[in-house]
């Protein structure tokens, strides 16, 4: 019933949002007589803010049309390589007429970015993709809003997520490098573990960024909620049926609007301050700052519904049973054994100020992957970075990305072992990790 009430409220607010938008322009347009009135700029700013608070936010596009490779701008085309009911595998194909750059791009490593299925769309990793495209062939998982998936497609469990990742790895091939950001670190580690246990090829490298491999370490507010509430509490309080005006009508989901409420509730003062600053920027005519605010919240406020089965599986497996670190997790009856991974290099990245995945949670992967020889273990802490800073923004581009790029180059088949890389030199760079050969 809550979902239906939310949809009714959204439909009711839609005309008011459009009215606020039109009124903001009326008080701001240079040819409008209202723009000449005293306080017109303040009126326009107020109505603009009201519009943004009341509007519905659609999934934004990646909008990556070009990227610089070396000293040449190359065109980028977004392609769907594989479509599944709950996810599309996207490829960002690069094109150029420069033969030298084309030859260089053909030899660059292939990278699969596994985006989170945890509220926001994969476009949240736009900055991650843009950086990677400079030096890699890039694929990304684009998860589908569960309210758009018909009931006929069946349920989607955490086990299905693991199998999706395995299918994508097989499709790209044995030279793939996998990067998982936040939530997918756990199912990606499971997917690669199962491939290794079956004797299939595994990725050349795994880069795990800000994920809850062991949520018991330095638990955050997010971890505490998942650990302190019972499984039945989540079933009864956050799971609802999709209303009839969507293709997925009747599907049980964890609604995006509830997730967004939780995101905002974690730092309400920061969001209030940000909106007030936006209001002041509009009054001052600071268009650059105002546009930066719009771009951030266009992404931040666009959320998707998660399949109920997947969400509840994650709560139980990752945050209550700690099945991965306890060695009890089974996917389709097959035990997940990270110690079986031997041919894949491992890099873990954490943010110094991460308030979603606490310190040590991601680095815990090294202790589980005891079958990987010591020279293939690396960890890196991004100074001054919060959760989003490890994969987006200045600290990602200037601190984290050079380490990821160097790590991938070091273990890519086409890069000679003698070639130096950023992952092997310099104070504050990647730290080798000491691991035990037993779990």
Protein backbone atom coordinates (compact mmCIF):
# COMPACT_ATOMS: atom_id res chain seq x y z
CA UNK A 1 0.00 0.00 0.00
CA UNK A 2 2.89 2.38 0.75
CA UNK A 3 4.13 2.15 -2.84
CA UNK A 4 0.67 3.04 -4.17
CA UNK A 5 0.48 6.04 -1.82
CA UNK A 6 3.89 7.20 -2.98
CA UNK A 7 2.85 6.96 -6.63
CA UNK A 8 -0.34 8.92 -5.89
CA UNK A 9 1.70 11.63 -4.18
CA UNK A 10 4.15 11.74 -7.10
CA UNK A 11 1.31 12.13 -9.59
CA UNK A 12 -0.20 14.89 -7.43
CA UNK A 13 3.09 16.81 -7.18
CA UNK A 14 3.96 16.58 -10.89
CA UNK A 15 1.88 19.60 -12.02
CA UNK A 16 3.16 21.69 -9.10
CA UNK A 17 6.73 20.83 -10.08
CA UNK A 18 6.11 21.94 -13.66
CA UNK A 19 4.39 25.11 -12.45
CA UNK A 20 7.41 25.91 -10.25
CA UNK A 21 9.75 25.37 -13.20
CA UNK A 22 7.74 27.66 -15.47
CA UNK A 23 7.48 30.34 -12.78
CA UNK A 24 11.23 30.23 -12.15
CA UNK A 25 11.82 30.95 -15.83
CA UNK A 26 9.21 33.71 -15.79
CA UNK A 27 11.16 35.57 -13.11
CA UNK A 28 14.51 34.93 -14.74
CA UNK A 29 14.06 35.39 -18.49
CA UNK A 30 15.61 38.69 -19.65
CA UNK A 31 12.59 39.50 -21.85
CA UNK A 32 10.06 38.90 -19.10
CA UNK A 33 8.70 42.01 -17.33
CA UNK A 34 8.61 40.01 -14.09
CA UNK A 35 12.40 39.68 -14.26
CA UNK A 36 12.67 43.46 -13.78
CA UNK A 37 10.79 43.43 -10.48
CA UNK A 38 12.62 43.83 -7.13
CA UNK A 39 13.57 40.44 -5.71
CA UNK A 40 12.98 38.68 -9.03
CA UNK A 41 16.22 36.69 -8.80
CA UNK A 42 15.29 35.45 -5.34
CA UNK A 43 11.81 34.45 -6.53
CA UNK A 44 13.28 32.59 -9.50
CA UNK A 45 15.78 30.78 -7.27
CA UNK A 46 13.05 29.76 -4.83
CA UNK A 47 10.78 28.33 -7.50
CA UNK A 48 13.72 26.58 -9.20
CA UNK A 49 14.62 24.88 -5.92
CA UNK A 50 10.97 23.91 -5.35
CA UNK A 51 10.87 22.37 -8.83
CA UNK A 52 13.95 20.26 -8.15
CA UNK A 53 12.65 19.09 -4.78
CA UNK A 54 9.30 18.01 -6.25
CA UNK A 55 10.29 16.61 -9.65
CA UNK A 56 10.75 12.94 -10.56
CA UNK A 57 14.30 11.94 -11.47
CA UNK A 58 14.67 9.58 -14.41
CA UNK A 59 17.69 7.38 -15.04
CA UNK A 60 20.35 9.69 -16.51
CA UNK A 61 22.34 8.65 -19.60
CA UNK A 62 26.04 7.86 -19.47
CA UNK A 63 26.50 10.54 -22.14
CA UNK A 64 30.09 9.50 -22.89
CA UNK A 65 30.56 10.40 -26.55
CA UNK A 66 34.32 10.91 -26.71
CA UNK A 67 37.46 10.31 -24.69
CA UNK A 68 41.08 11.28 -25.02
CA UNK A 69 43.49 8.43 -25.77
CA UNK A 70 47.03 9.73 -25.69
CA UNK A 71 46.80 13.08 -27.47
CA UNK A 72 43.86 12.17 -29.69
CA UNK A 73 40.12 12.54 -29.07
CA UNK A 74 38.33 9.35 -30.09
CA UNK A 75 34.61 8.77 -30.50
CA UNK A 76 32.78 6.48 -28.05
CA UNK A 77 29.65 4.49 -28.85
CA UNK A 78 27.58 2.71 -26.20
CA UNK A 79 26.72 -0.84 -27.29
CA UNK A 80 24.69 -3.63 -25.68
CA UNK A 81 26.81 -6.79 -25.78
CA UNK A 82 24.40 -9.03 -23.86
CA UNK A 83 20.88 -8.41 -22.59
CA UNK A 84 19.41 -10.37 -19.69
CA UNK A 85 16.09 -9.76 -17.92
CA UNK A 86 17.69 -7.95 -14.97
CA UNK A 87 20.86 -6.56 -16.53
CA UNK A 88 22.49 -5.39 -19.75
CA UNK A 89 26.20 -5.77 -20.38
CA UNK A 90 27.32 -2.53 -22.03
CA UNK A 91 30.46 -2.01 -24.08
CA UNK A 92 31.87 1.47 -24.65
CA UNK A 93 33.33 1.01 -28.13
CA UNK A 94 35.98 3.52 -29.19
CA UNK A 95 36.51 4.65 -32.79
CA UNK A 96 39.24 6.68 -34.50
CA UNK A 97 40.80 7.20 -37.94
CA UNK A 98 44.26 7.58 -36.41
CA UNK A 99 46.00 4.28 -37.23
CA UNK A 100 48.62 4.68 -34.49
CA UNK A 101 45.99 5.24 -31.80
CA UNK A 102 43.79 2.49 -33.24
CA UNK A 103 46.65 0.01 -33.01
CA UNK A 104 47.29 1.12 -29.45
CA UNK A 105 43.64 0.69 -28.44
CA UNK A 106 43.50 -2.82 -29.89
CA UNK A 107 46.22 -3.98 -27.51
CA UNK A 108 44.80 -2.36 -24.40
CA UNK A 109 43.35 -4.54 -21.59
CA UNK A 110 39.64 -5.40 -21.38
CA UNK A 111 37.99 -4.33 -18.14
CA UNK A 112 34.62 -5.44 -16.76
CA UNK A 113 33.23 -2.92 -14.27
CA UNK A 114 30.62 -4.56 -12.06
CA UNK A 115 28.37 -1.72 -10.90
CA UNK A 116 26.41 -1.90 -7.65
CA UNK A 117 22.81 -3.06 -7.56
CA UNK A 118 22.12 -1.09 -4.42
CA UNK A 119 19.82 1.80 -5.20
CA UNK A 120 21.55 3.96 -7.78
CA UNK A 121 21.91 3.30 -11.48
CA UNK A 122 25.19 2.22 -13.07
CA UNK A 123 25.57 5.77 -14.40
CA UNK A 124 26.83 6.67 -10.92
CA UNK A 125 30.13 5.19 -12.19
CA UNK A 126 30.29 7.54 -15.19
CA UNK A 127 33.54 9.10 -13.93
CA UNK A 128 35.01 5.62 -13.37
CA UNK A 129 34.22 4.61 -16.95
CA UNK A 130 35.53 7.85 -18.48
CA UNK A 131 38.87 7.43 -16.75
CA UNK A 132 39.19 3.76 -17.65
CA UNK A 133 38.41 4.44 -21.32
CA UNK A 134 41.66 6.32 -21.70
CA UNK A 135 43.65 3.11 -21.33
CA UNK A 136 41.23 0.17 -21.56
CA UNK A 137 38.39 -1.52 -23.40
CA UNK A 138 35.52 -1.04 -20.98
CA UNK A 139 32.39 -3.09 -20.23
CA UNK A 140 29.92 -2.36 -17.43
CA UNK A 141 26.90 -4.05 -15.88
CA UNK A 142 23.80 -1.88 -16.32
CA UNK A 143 21.26 -3.25 -13.84
CA UNK A 144 17.58 -2.94 -14.71
CA UNK A 145 15.07 -1.22 -12.45
CA UNK A 146 13.10 -4.17 -11.03
CA UNK A 147 9.78 -2.36 -11.49
CA UNK A 148 10.42 -2.51 -15.23
CA UNK A 149 10.90 -6.32 -15.28
CA UNK A 150 7.66 -8.29 -15.83
CA UNK A 151 6.75 -11.03 -13.36
CA UNK A 152 7.10 -13.53 -16.21
CA UNK A 153 10.89 -13.07 -16.03
CA UNK A 154 10.84 -14.85 -12.66
CA UNK A 155 12.64 -13.94 -9.42
CA UNK A 156 16.18 -12.64 -9.11
CA UNK A 157 18.29 -13.96 -6.24
CA UNK A 158 21.84 -13.29 -5.11
CA UNK A 159 22.75 -16.62 -6.73
CA UNK A 160 21.45 -15.24 -10.04
CA UNK A 161 23.66 -12.18 -9.60
CA UNK A 162 26.68 -14.44 -9.20
CA UNK A 163 25.76 -16.37 -12.33
CA UNK A 164 25.26 -13.16 -14.32
CA UNK A 165 28.80 -12.07 -13.42
CA UNK A 166 30.17 -15.45 -14.47
CA UNK A 167 28.36 -15.24 -17.82
CA UNK A 168 29.80 -11.78 -18.46
CA UNK A 169 33.32 -12.93 -17.63
CA UNK A 170 33.01 -15.90 -19.97
CA UNK A 171 31.69 -13.67 -22.76
CA UNK A 172 34.57 -11.17 -22.55
CA UNK A 173 37.21 -13.91 -22.30
CA UNK A 174 40.22 -15.02 -20.26
CA UNK A 175 42.14 -11.74 -20.61
CA UNK A 176 39.48 -9.76 -18.73
CA UNK A 177 40.23 -7.66 -15.66
CA UNK A 178 37.33 -7.22 -13.21
CA UNK A 179 36.63 -4.14 -11.12
CA UNK A 180 33.84 -4.33 -8.52
CA UNK A 181 32.62 -1.22 -6.72
CA UNK A 182 30.97 -1.45 -3.28
CA UNK A 183 28.14 -4.05 -3.07
CA UNK A 184 29.33 -6.35 -5.91
CA UNK A 185 32.68 -7.11 -4.28
CA UNK A 186 31.00 -10.01 -2.46
CA UNK A 187 29.19 -11.68 -5.41
CA UNK A 188 32.16 -11.02 -7.72
CA UNK A 189 34.50 -12.80 -5.31
CA UNK A 190 31.98 -15.66 -5.17
CA UNK A 191 31.72 -15.78 -8.97
CA UNK A 192 35.49 -15.95 -9.47
CA UNK A 193 35.87 -18.48 -6.64
CA UNK A 194 33.35 -20.83 -8.25
CA UNK A 195 35.03 -20.48 -11.66
CA UNK A 196 38.35 -21.42 -10.05
CA UNK A 197 36.83 -24.37 -8.18
CA UNK A 198 35.43 -25.73 -11.47
CA UNK A 199 38.72 -25.38 -13.28
CA UNK A 200 37.46 -22.59 -15.59
CA UNK A 201 39.59 -19.56 -16.44
CA UNK A 202 39.50 -16.67 -13.98
CA UNK A 203 40.13 -12.95 -14.61
CA UNK A 204 43.74 -11.78 -14.78
CA UNK A 205 43.05 -9.30 -11.98
CA UNK A 206 40.33 -8.43 -9.48
CA UNK A 207 40.10 -4.87 -8.16
CA UNK A 208 37.70 -4.54 -5.22
CA UNK A 209 36.72 -1.06 -4.10
CA UNK A 210 34.89 -0.12 -0.90
CA UNK A 211 32.92 -3.34 -0.43
CA UNK A 212 31.61 -5.30 2.58
CA UNK A 213 33.70 -8.45 2.22
CA UNK A 214 33.72 -8.69 6.02
CA UNK A 215 31.07 -6.34 7.40
CA UNK A 216 32.07 -7.18 10.98
CA UNK A 217 35.17 -4.98 10.68
CA UNK A 218 34.67 -1.32 11.63
CA UNK A 219 30.88 -1.52 11.17
CA UNK A 220 29.21 1.62 9.89
CA UNK A 221 25.63 2.86 10.37
CA UNK A 222 24.65 0.96 7.23
CA UNK A 223 26.19 -2.25 8.54
CA UNK A 224 24.62 -1.84 11.98
CA UNK A 225 21.13 -1.48 10.54
CA UNK A 226 21.51 -4.66 8.50
CA UNK A 227 23.03 -6.57 11.40
CA UNK A 228 20.79 -5.40 14.24
CA UNK A 229 17.39 -5.81 12.59
CA UNK A 230 15.99 -9.29 12.11
CA UNK A 231 15.48 -10.84 8.69
CA UNK A 232 11.72 -10.79 9.25
CA UNK A 233 11.87 -7.06 10.04
CA UNK A 234 13.22 -6.37 6.55
CA UNK A 235 10.61 -8.66 5.00
CA UNK A 236 7.77 -6.85 6.76
CA UNK A 237 8.96 -3.24 6.62
CA UNK A 238 10.84 -2.53 3.39
CA UNK A 239 9.41 -4.97 0.83
CA UNK A 240 6.42 -3.84 -1.26
CA UNK A 241 4.65 -4.78 -4.49
CA UNK A 242 5.12 -2.71 -7.66
CA UNK A 243 1.91 -0.81 -8.56
CA UNK A 244 -0.07 -1.59 -11.68
CA UNK A 245 1.25 1.32 -13.78
CA UNK A 246 4.65 -0.35 -14.34
CA UNK A 247 5.67 -3.39 -16.45
CA UNK A 248 6.76 -5.17 -13.27
CA UNK A 249 3.36 -4.81 -11.60
CA UNK A 250 3.03 -7.21 -8.69
CA UNK A 251 6.77 -7.87 -8.33
CA UNK A 252 8.08 -7.75 -4.74
CA UNK A 253 10.81 -5.10 -4.48
CA UNK A 254 12.75 -2.90 -2.13
CA UNK A 255 11.51 0.42 -3.61
CA UNK A 256 13.96 3.06 -4.77
CA UNK A 257 12.14 5.86 -2.94
CA UNK A 258 12.69 4.09 0.39
CA UNK A 259 16.35 3.62 -0.41
CA UNK A 260 16.67 7.30 -1.31
CA UNK A 261 15.08 8.26 2.00
CA UNK A 262 17.71 6.16 3.75
CA UNK A 263 20.53 7.79 1.77
CA UNK A 264 19.38 11.28 2.74
CA UNK A 265 18.74 10.30 6.37
CA UNK A 266 22.39 9.31 6.76
CA UNK A 267 23.54 12.93 6.24
CA UNK A 268 20.49 15.24 6.38
CA UNK A 269 22.46 18.32 7.41
CA UNK A 270 24.80 17.99 4.45
CA UNK A 271 21.91 17.77 1.99
CA UNK A 272 20.08 20.72 3.55
CA UNK A 273 23.26 22.78 3.36
CA UNK A 274 23.82 21.74 -0.25
CA UNK A 275 20.31 22.83 -1.29
CA UNK A 276 20.67 26.14 0.53
CA UNK A 277 24.00 26.74 -1.20
CA UNK A 278 22.29 26.01 -4.53
CA UNK A 279 19.63 28.61 -3.71
CA UNK A 280 22.34 31.19 -2.91
CA UNK A 281 24.31 30.34 -6.06
CA UNK A 282 21.21 31.01 -8.18
CA UNK A 283 20.73 34.38 -6.50
CA UNK A 284 24.38 35.31 -7.05
CA UNK A 285 24.30 34.11 -10.64
CA UNK A 286 27.02 31.53 -10.03
CA UNK A 287 25.98 29.30 -12.94
CA UNK A 288 28.95 26.92 -12.68
CA UNK A 289 28.27 26.00 -9.05
CA UNK A 290 24.53 25.71 -9.69
CA UNK A 291 25.10 23.39 -12.65
CA UNK A 292 27.47 21.26 -10.59
CA UNK A 293 24.71 20.87 -7.97
CA UNK A 294 22.19 19.89 -10.65
CA UNK A 295 24.47 17.28 -12.17
CA UNK A 296 25.20 15.68 -8.79
CA UNK A 297 21.56 15.50 -7.67
CA UNK A 298 20.27 14.43 -11.08
CA UNK A 299 22.41 11.33 -10.47
CA UNK A 300 21.95 11.02 -6.71
CA UNK A 301 18.15 11.33 -6.79
CA UNK A 302 17.71 8.81 -9.63
CA UNK A 303 17.12 5.47 -7.91
CA UNK A 304 15.88 2.02 -8.90
CA UNK A 305 13.89 -0.74 -7.24
CA UNK A 306 15.79 -3.85 -6.19
CA UNK A 307 14.28 -7.35 -6.48
CA UNK A 308 13.12 -8.41 -3.02
CA UNK A 309 14.73 -11.86 -3.28
CA UNK A 310 18.13 -10.41 -4.09
CA UNK A 311 17.96 -7.75 -1.38
CA UNK A 312 16.88 -10.17 1.36
CA UNK A 313 19.49 -12.74 0.26
CA UNK A 314 22.16 -10.04 0.58
CA UNK A 315 20.98 -9.01 4.05
CA UNK A 316 21.14 -12.60 5.29
CA UNK A 317 24.28 -13.79 3.46
CA UNK A 318 26.51 -10.72 3.78
CA UNK A 319 25.37 -8.87 6.91
CA UNK A 320 23.83 -11.49 9.19
CA UNK A 321 25.34 -14.91 8.48
CA UNK A 322 28.69 -13.54 7.18
CA UNK A 323 28.62 -16.65 5.04
CA UNK A 324 31.55 -15.68 2.80
CA UNK A 325 34.07 -15.10 5.59
CA UNK A 326 32.72 -18.04 7.61
CA UNK A 327 33.14 -20.40 4.66
CA UNK A 328 29.48 -21.48 4.66
CA UNK A 329 28.12 -19.76 1.55
CA UNK A 330 26.69 -22.05 -1.09
CA UNK A 331 25.56 -20.90 -4.54
CA UNK A 332 23.18 -23.41 -6.13
CA UNK A 333 24.49 -25.98 -3.65
CA UNK A 334 28.17 -25.34 -4.49
CA UNK A 335 30.42 -24.08 -1.69
CA UNK A 336 32.18 -20.76 -2.32
CA UNK A 337 35.92 -21.26 -1.71
CA UNK A 338 38.03 -18.13 -2.36
CA UNK A 339 41.16 -20.10 -1.47
CA UNK A 340 40.76 -21.96 -4.79
CA UNK A 341 41.67 -18.79 -6.73
CA UNK A 342 45.31 -19.04 -7.78
CA UNK A 343 45.86 -17.30 -11.13
CA UNK A 344 44.22 -13.93 -10.42
CA UNK A 345 45.99 -10.91 -8.92
CA UNK A 346 44.06 -9.03 -6.22
CA UNK A 347 43.92 -5.31 -5.44
CA UNK A 348 41.68 -3.89 -2.70
CA UNK A 349 40.97 -0.17 -2.36
CA UNK A 350 39.43 1.62 0.61
CA UNK A 351 38.65 5.26 1.34
CA UNK A 352 40.08 6.83 4.46
CA UNK A 353 36.76 8.50 5.31
CA UNK A 354 34.37 5.86 3.96
CA UNK A 355 31.18 5.88 6.07
CA UNK A 356 29.47 3.06 4.15
CA UNK A 357 32.13 0.32 4.01
CA UNK A 358 34.32 0.62 7.11
CA UNK A 359 38.09 0.31 7.35
CA UNK A 360 39.34 -3.22 6.72
CA UNK A 361 36.10 -4.58 5.26
CA UNK A 362 37.44 -4.73 1.69
CA UNK A 363 41.03 -5.58 2.61
CA UNK A 364 39.61 -8.71 4.30
CA UNK A 365 39.52 -10.31 0.83
CA UNK A 366 43.25 -10.95 1.03
CA UNK A 367 42.90 -13.32 3.96
CA UNK A 368 40.22 -15.29 2.12
CA UNK A 369 42.18 -15.56 -1.13
CA UNK A 370 45.06 -17.50 0.43
CA UNK A 371 45.68 -19.50 -2.74
CA UNK A 372 46.99 -16.43 -4.57
CA UNK A 373 50.75 -16.11 -4.22
CA UNK A 374 51.99 -13.18 -2.13
CA UNK A 375 53.41 -11.18 -5.03
CA UNK A 376 49.90 -10.86 -6.50
CA UNK A 377 48.32 -9.23 -3.42
CA UNK A 378 48.04 -5.43 -3.19
CA UNK A 379 46.03 -2.93 -1.17
CA UNK A 380 45.63 0.82 -1.36
CA UNK A 381 44.02 3.41 0.92
CA UNK A 382 42.83 6.65 -0.71
CA UNK A 383 43.74 9.50 1.61
CA UNK A 384 40.89 11.91 2.35
CA UNK A 385 38.35 9.97 0.27
CA UNK A 386 34.86 9.06 1.36
CA UNK A 387 32.85 6.25 -0.20
CA UNK A 388 32.09 8.01 -3.48
CA UNK A 389 35.56 9.56 -3.66
CA UNK A 390 37.25 6.23 -4.35
CA UNK A 391 35.50 5.86 -7.72
CA UNK A 392 34.41 9.39 -8.67
CA UNK A 393 35.80 12.89 -8.53
CA UNK A 394 39.26 14.36 -8.11
CA UNK A 395 40.64 11.77 -5.67
CA UNK A 396 39.55 8.94 -7.96
CA UNK A 397 41.18 10.56 -10.99
CA UNK A 398 44.38 11.72 -9.30
CA UNK A 399 44.98 9.05 -6.64
CA UNK A 400 43.01 5.85 -7.13
CA UNK A 401 42.89 5.55 -10.92
CA UNK A 402 46.69 5.67 -11.49
CA UNK A 403 47.01 2.76 -9.07
CA UNK A 404 44.29 0.75 -10.78
CA UNK A 405 45.79 1.44 -14.20
CA UNK A 406 49.26 0.41 -13.07
CA UNK A 407 47.98 -2.72 -11.35
CA UNK A 408 46.11 -3.89 -14.44
CA UNK A 409 49.09 -3.14 -16.70
CA UNK A 410 51.41 -5.10 -14.44
CA UNK A 411 49.41 -8.31 -14.79
CA UNK A 412 48.08 -7.97 -18.32
CA UNK A 413 49.34 -10.59 -20.73
CA UNK A 414 50.37 -8.06 -23.35
CA UNK A 415 52.55 -5.97 -21.03
CA UNK A 416 56.12 -7.18 -20.61
CA UNK A 417 57.02 -8.12 -17.07
CA UNK A 418 60.05 -5.83 -17.15
CA UNK A 419 57.98 -2.73 -17.94
CA UNK A 420 57.72 -0.46 -14.85
CA UNK A 421 54.26 0.52 -13.68
CA UNK A 422 52.88 2.95 -11.07
CA UNK A 423 51.89 -0.03 -8.94
CA UNK A 424 55.49 -0.88 -8.11
CA UNK A 425 57.15 2.37 -7.12
CA UNK A 426 56.73 5.54 -5.09
CA UNK A 427 55.90 6.33 -1.50
CA UNK A 428 52.20 6.02 -0.74
CA UNK A 429 51.62 3.71 -3.69
CA UNK A 430 50.19 0.22 -3.64
CA UNK A 431 51.21 -1.79 -0.61
CA UNK A 432 51.99 -5.47 -0.98
CA UNK A 433 49.84 -7.56 1.35
CA UNK A 434 51.17 -10.32 3.53
CA UNK A 435 48.84 -13.31 3.42
CA UNK A 436 48.68 -16.66 5.12
CA UNK A 437 48.48 -19.81 3.05
CA UNK A 438 45.64 -21.09 5.23
CA UNK A 439 42.17 -19.65 5.76
